[in-house]
């Protein structure tokens, strides 16, 4: 069984890398943001609590996030392992996690801030079908319309320079110390995320001792 945490600033590609690992090795990709959204959309008690907090303009407490993670991992539906994405985000969450669960490795995807900025500000989403694009590496035939349905492509509301600057500042202030804590536990593997997707995937697989992407193809 393989138990991993994947970390990196917004736009580093960690979601893509986690999904590639999950698909080939039957790991469960546990994305904290997706869990929040699922609970809100399905009107669970947890979702109602989160929704009230968000609507009030407040941050979800560490205790509530920890409760959510504990509930998810206690399902034990990850027969071959899991990849936890989006948690922990600060020292308190990291200490809770280390006290509560055993993990094999923390994957840290490193991308310079200027590359992150270019990637995030190039993201587009179809306002009609919701398909994602990026004007750098997943470019539509026409930068204004969706290839699949012809809908208008728009930037996400929070994909702007001010929000991105705030997120980068928060990441460096709060999340970077978490990686330093994991480094002291000798759990961290570091990967250069500024390269193409396949190169990043193969490097992290090599460091994790997993078969490279080519050997997993049929």
Protein backbone atom coordinates (compact mmCIF):
# COMPACT_ATOMS: atom_id res chain seq x y z
CA UNK A 1 0.00 0.00 0.00
CA UNK A 2 1.22 3.48 -0.89
CA UNK A 3 0.24 6.58 1.09
CA UNK A 4 1.32 9.92 -0.31
CA UNK A 5 0.75 13.63 0.21
CA UNK A 6 1.24 15.91 -2.80
CA UNK A 7 2.03 19.59 -2.26
CA UNK A 8 2.77 22.69 -4.29
CA UNK A 9 1.50 26.15 -5.02
CA UNK A 10 -1.63 26.71 -7.11
CA UNK A 11 -0.79 26.18 -10.79
CA UNK A 12 2.12 23.79 -10.15
CA UNK A 13 0.21 20.90 -11.73
CA UNK A 14 -0.16 18.74 -8.62
CA UNK A 15 -3.77 17.80 -9.46
CA UNK A 16 -2.74 16.53 -12.89
CA UNK A 17 0.21 14.59 -11.46
CA UNK A 18 -1.95 13.06 -8.71
CA UNK A 19 -4.61 11.95 -11.21
CA UNK A 20 -1.98 10.30 -13.43
CA UNK A 21 -0.61 8.33 -10.48
CA UNK A 22 -4.08 7.39 -9.29
CA UNK A 23 -5.17 6.15 -12.71
CA UNK A 24 -2.18 3.88 -13.35
CA UNK A 25 -1.77 2.42 -9.86
CA UNK A 26 -5.39 2.37 -8.62
CA UNK A 27 -4.65 4.90 -5.89
CA UNK A 28 -7.48 7.03 -4.53
CA UNK A 29 -6.96 10.72 -5.25
CA UNK A 30 -8.32 12.56 -2.21
CA UNK A 31 -8.68 16.25 -3.05
CA UNK A 32 -9.75 18.43 -0.14
CA UNK A 33 -11.41 21.02 -2.39
CA UNK A 34 -13.46 18.30 -4.11
CA UNK A 35 -14.63 16.95 -0.73
CA UNK A 36 -15.77 20.41 0.33
CA UNK A 37 -17.66 20.90 -2.93
CA UNK A 38 -19.27 17.44 -2.76
CA UNK A 39 -20.52 18.01 0.78
CA UNK A 40 -21.93 21.43 -0.11
CA UNK A 41 -23.61 20.19 -3.30
CA UNK A 42 -25.11 17.18 -1.52
CA UNK A 43 -26.36 19.24 1.43
CA UNK A 44 -24.64 17.18 4.11
CA UNK A 45 -24.32 18.46 7.68
CA UNK A 46 -20.61 18.98 7.11
CA UNK A 47 -21.35 20.82 3.88
CA UNK A 48 -23.85 23.09 5.64
CA UNK A 49 -21.24 23.99 8.26
CA UNK A 50 -18.64 24.75 5.59
CA UNK A 51 -21.12 26.76 3.54
CA UNK A 52 -22.07 28.94 6.51
CA UNK A 53 -18.43 29.68 7.22
CA UNK A 54 -17.60 30.50 3.59
CA UNK A 55 -20.69 32.70 3.15
CA UNK A 56 -19.65 34.63 6.24
CA UNK A 57 -16.31 35.33 4.58
CA UNK A 58 -14.35 33.31 7.14
CA UNK A 59 -11.76 30.57 6.77
CA UNK A 60 -12.67 26.97 7.54
CA UNK A 61 -11.08 26.06 10.88
CA UNK A 62 -8.26 23.54 11.21
CA UNK A 63 -10.51 21.40 13.41
CA UNK A 64 -13.21 21.16 10.74
CA UNK A 65 -10.73 20.33 7.99
CA UNK A 66 -9.10 17.70 10.20
CA UNK A 67 -12.49 16.16 10.95
CA UNK A 68 -13.23 15.97 7.25
CA UNK A 69 -9.88 14.32 6.45
CA UNK A 70 -10.27 11.82 9.28
CA UNK A 71 -13.76 10.83 8.09
CA UNK A 72 -12.53 10.41 4.52
CA UNK A 73 -9.51 8.28 5.37
CA UNK A 74 -11.51 6.15 7.80
CA UNK A 75 -13.57 4.86 4.86
CA UNK A 76 -10.56 2.68 3.95
CA UNK A 77 -11.61 2.43 0.30
CA UNK A 78 -8.00 2.94 -0.80
CA UNK A 79 -6.94 -0.70 -1.22
CA UNK A 80 -3.73 0.15 -3.10
CA UNK A 81 -3.10 3.53 -1.51
CA UNK A 82 -4.06 7.19 -1.62
CA UNK A 83 -2.71 10.56 -2.73
CA UNK A 84 -3.84 13.40 -0.46
CA UNK A 85 -4.07 16.72 -2.30
CA UNK A 86 -4.71 20.05 -0.55
CA UNK A 87 -3.89 19.02 3.01
CA UNK A 88 -2.09 19.85 5.25
CA UNK A 89 -1.80 23.59 4.61
CA UNK A 90 -0.26 24.79 7.86
CA UNK A 91 1.86 23.53 10.73
CA UNK A 92 -1.10 22.72 12.99
CA UNK A 93 -2.71 20.54 10.30
CA UNK A 94 0.63 18.88 9.54
CA UNK A 95 1.23 18.00 13.20
CA UNK A 96 -2.29 16.56 13.47
CA UNK A 97 -1.71 14.51 10.35
CA UNK A 98 1.63 13.10 11.49
CA UNK A 99 0.12 12.15 14.85
CA UNK A 100 -2.91 10.46 13.28
CA UNK A 101 -1.66 8.75 10.10
CA UNK A 102 1.40 7.06 8.65
CA UNK A 103 2.56 8.19 5.22
CA UNK A 104 5.26 6.95 2.86
CA UNK A 105 6.26 10.17 1.12
CA UNK A 106 5.43 13.82 0.54
CA UNK A 107 5.70 14.88 -3.10
CA UNK A 108 6.72 18.55 -3.34
CA UNK A 109 6.29 20.03 -6.83
CA UNK A 110 8.41 23.17 -7.13
CA UNK A 111 7.58 25.86 -9.68
CA UNK A 112 8.93 29.45 -9.75
CA UNK A 113 6.36 32.15 -9.01
CA UNK A 114 6.67 33.70 -12.48
CA UNK A 115 5.84 30.34 -14.12
CA UNK A 116 2.87 29.86 -11.79
CA UNK A 117 1.62 33.35 -12.66
CA UNK A 118 1.83 32.67 -16.40
CA UNK A 119 0.02 29.33 -16.05
CA UNK A 120 -2.80 30.56 -13.83
CA UNK A 121 -3.52 33.71 -15.82
CA UNK A 122 -3.68 31.59 -18.99
CA UNK A 123 -6.43 29.32 -17.66
CA UNK A 124 -9.83 29.42 -19.31
CA UNK A 125 -13.09 27.55 -18.72
CA UNK A 126 -16.04 27.05 -21.05
CA UNK A 127 -19.01 28.98 -19.69
CA UNK A 128 -21.34 26.43 -21.29
CA UNK A 129 -19.95 22.92 -20.73
CA UNK A 130 -17.27 23.62 -18.10
CA UNK A 131 -14.33 22.18 -20.07
CA UNK A 132 -10.94 23.49 -18.93
CA UNK A 133 -8.29 24.97 -21.21
CA UNK A 134 -4.94 26.68 -20.86
CA UNK A 135 -3.64 29.09 -23.49
CA UNK A 136 -0.08 27.82 -22.92
CA UNK A 137 -0.27 24.02 -23.09
CA UNK A 138 -3.92 23.07 -23.71
CA UNK A 139 -4.81 25.73 -26.24
CA UNK A 140 -8.21 25.68 -28.01
CA UNK A 141 -8.39 26.15 -31.78
CA UNK A 142 -9.97 29.53 -31.15
CA UNK A 143 -8.96 31.22 -27.89
CA UNK A 144 -12.47 32.63 -27.47
CA UNK A 145 -14.57 29.48 -27.96
CA UNK A 146 -14.71 25.90 -26.71
CA UNK A 147 -13.61 23.18 -29.15
CA UNK A 148 -16.27 20.80 -27.83
CA UNK A 149 -19.44 22.90 -27.72
CA UNK A 150 -18.60 26.33 -29.11
CA UNK A 151 -19.32 28.05 -25.80
CA UNK A 152 -17.52 31.20 -24.73
CA UNK A 153 -14.22 30.70 -22.91
CA UNK A 154 -13.81 32.83 -19.82
CA UNK A 155 -11.24 33.28 -17.06
CA UNK A 156 -12.18 32.07 -13.61
CA UNK A 157 -13.25 34.91 -11.35
CA UNK A 158 -10.37 34.31 -8.93
CA UNK A 159 -7.72 33.87 -11.65
CA UNK A 160 -6.43 37.43 -11.45
CA UNK A 161 -3.16 39.00 -10.40
CA UNK A 162 -4.33 40.28 -7.00
CA UNK A 163 -5.84 36.97 -5.86
CA UNK A 164 -2.84 35.07 -7.19
CA UNK A 165 -0.40 37.36 -5.37
CA UNK A 166 -2.30 36.79 -2.12
CA UNK A 167 -2.27 33.02 -2.63
CA UNK A 168 1.45 32.96 -3.36
CA UNK A 169 2.14 35.03 -0.24
CA UNK A 170 -0.02 32.68 1.85
CA UNK A 171 1.68 29.62 0.39
CA UNK A 172 5.18 30.86 1.14
CA UNK A 173 4.20 32.02 4.62
CA UNK A 174 2.15 29.02 5.78
CA UNK A 175 2.60 26.01 3.49
CA UNK A 176 6.36 26.19 2.91
CA UNK A 177 7.05 25.61 6.65
CA UNK A 178 4.91 22.46 6.40
CA UNK A 179 7.23 21.08 3.73
CA UNK A 180 10.20 21.98 5.93
CA UNK A 181 8.60 19.97 8.77
CA UNK A 182 8.15 16.95 6.49
CA UNK A 183 11.75 17.36 5.32
CA UNK A 184 12.93 16.98 8.90
CA UNK A 185 11.01 13.69 8.99
CA UNK A 186 12.84 12.66 5.77
CA UNK A 187 9.55 12.18 3.92
CA UNK A 188 9.93 14.70 1.09
CA UNK A 189 10.82 14.12 -2.54
CA UNK A 190 11.21 17.29 -4.61
CA UNK A 191 10.35 17.55 -8.29
CA UNK A 192 10.88 20.40 -10.76
CA UNK A 193 7.33 21.15 -11.91
CA UNK A 194 8.29 23.73 -14.54
CA UNK A 195 8.90 21.02 -17.16
CA UNK A 196 6.35 19.17 -19.30
CA UNK A 197 3.80 16.94 -17.61
CA UNK A 198 5.32 13.59 -18.61
CA UNK A 199 8.84 14.57 -17.50
CA UNK A 200 7.52 15.60 -14.08
CA UNK A 201 5.50 12.39 -13.76
CA UNK A 202 8.44 10.16 -14.62
CA UNK A 203 10.79 11.91 -12.21
CA UNK A 204 8.42 11.60 -9.26
CA UNK A 205 7.77 7.94 -10.10
CA UNK A 206 11.50 7.24 -10.20
CA UNK A 207 11.95 8.89 -6.79
CA UNK A 208 9.00 6.92 -5.39
CA UNK A 209 10.33 3.65 -6.82
CA UNK A 210 7.35 3.19 -9.14
CA UNK A 211 7.39 2.07 -12.80
CA UNK A 212 7.82 5.01 -15.17
CA UNK A 213 4.91 6.18 -17.30
CA UNK A 214 6.06 4.45 -20.48
CA UNK A 215 6.14 1.02 -18.79
CA UNK A 216 2.53 1.49 -17.65
CA UNK A 217 1.17 2.01 -21.15
CA UNK A 218 -0.64 -0.98 -22.74
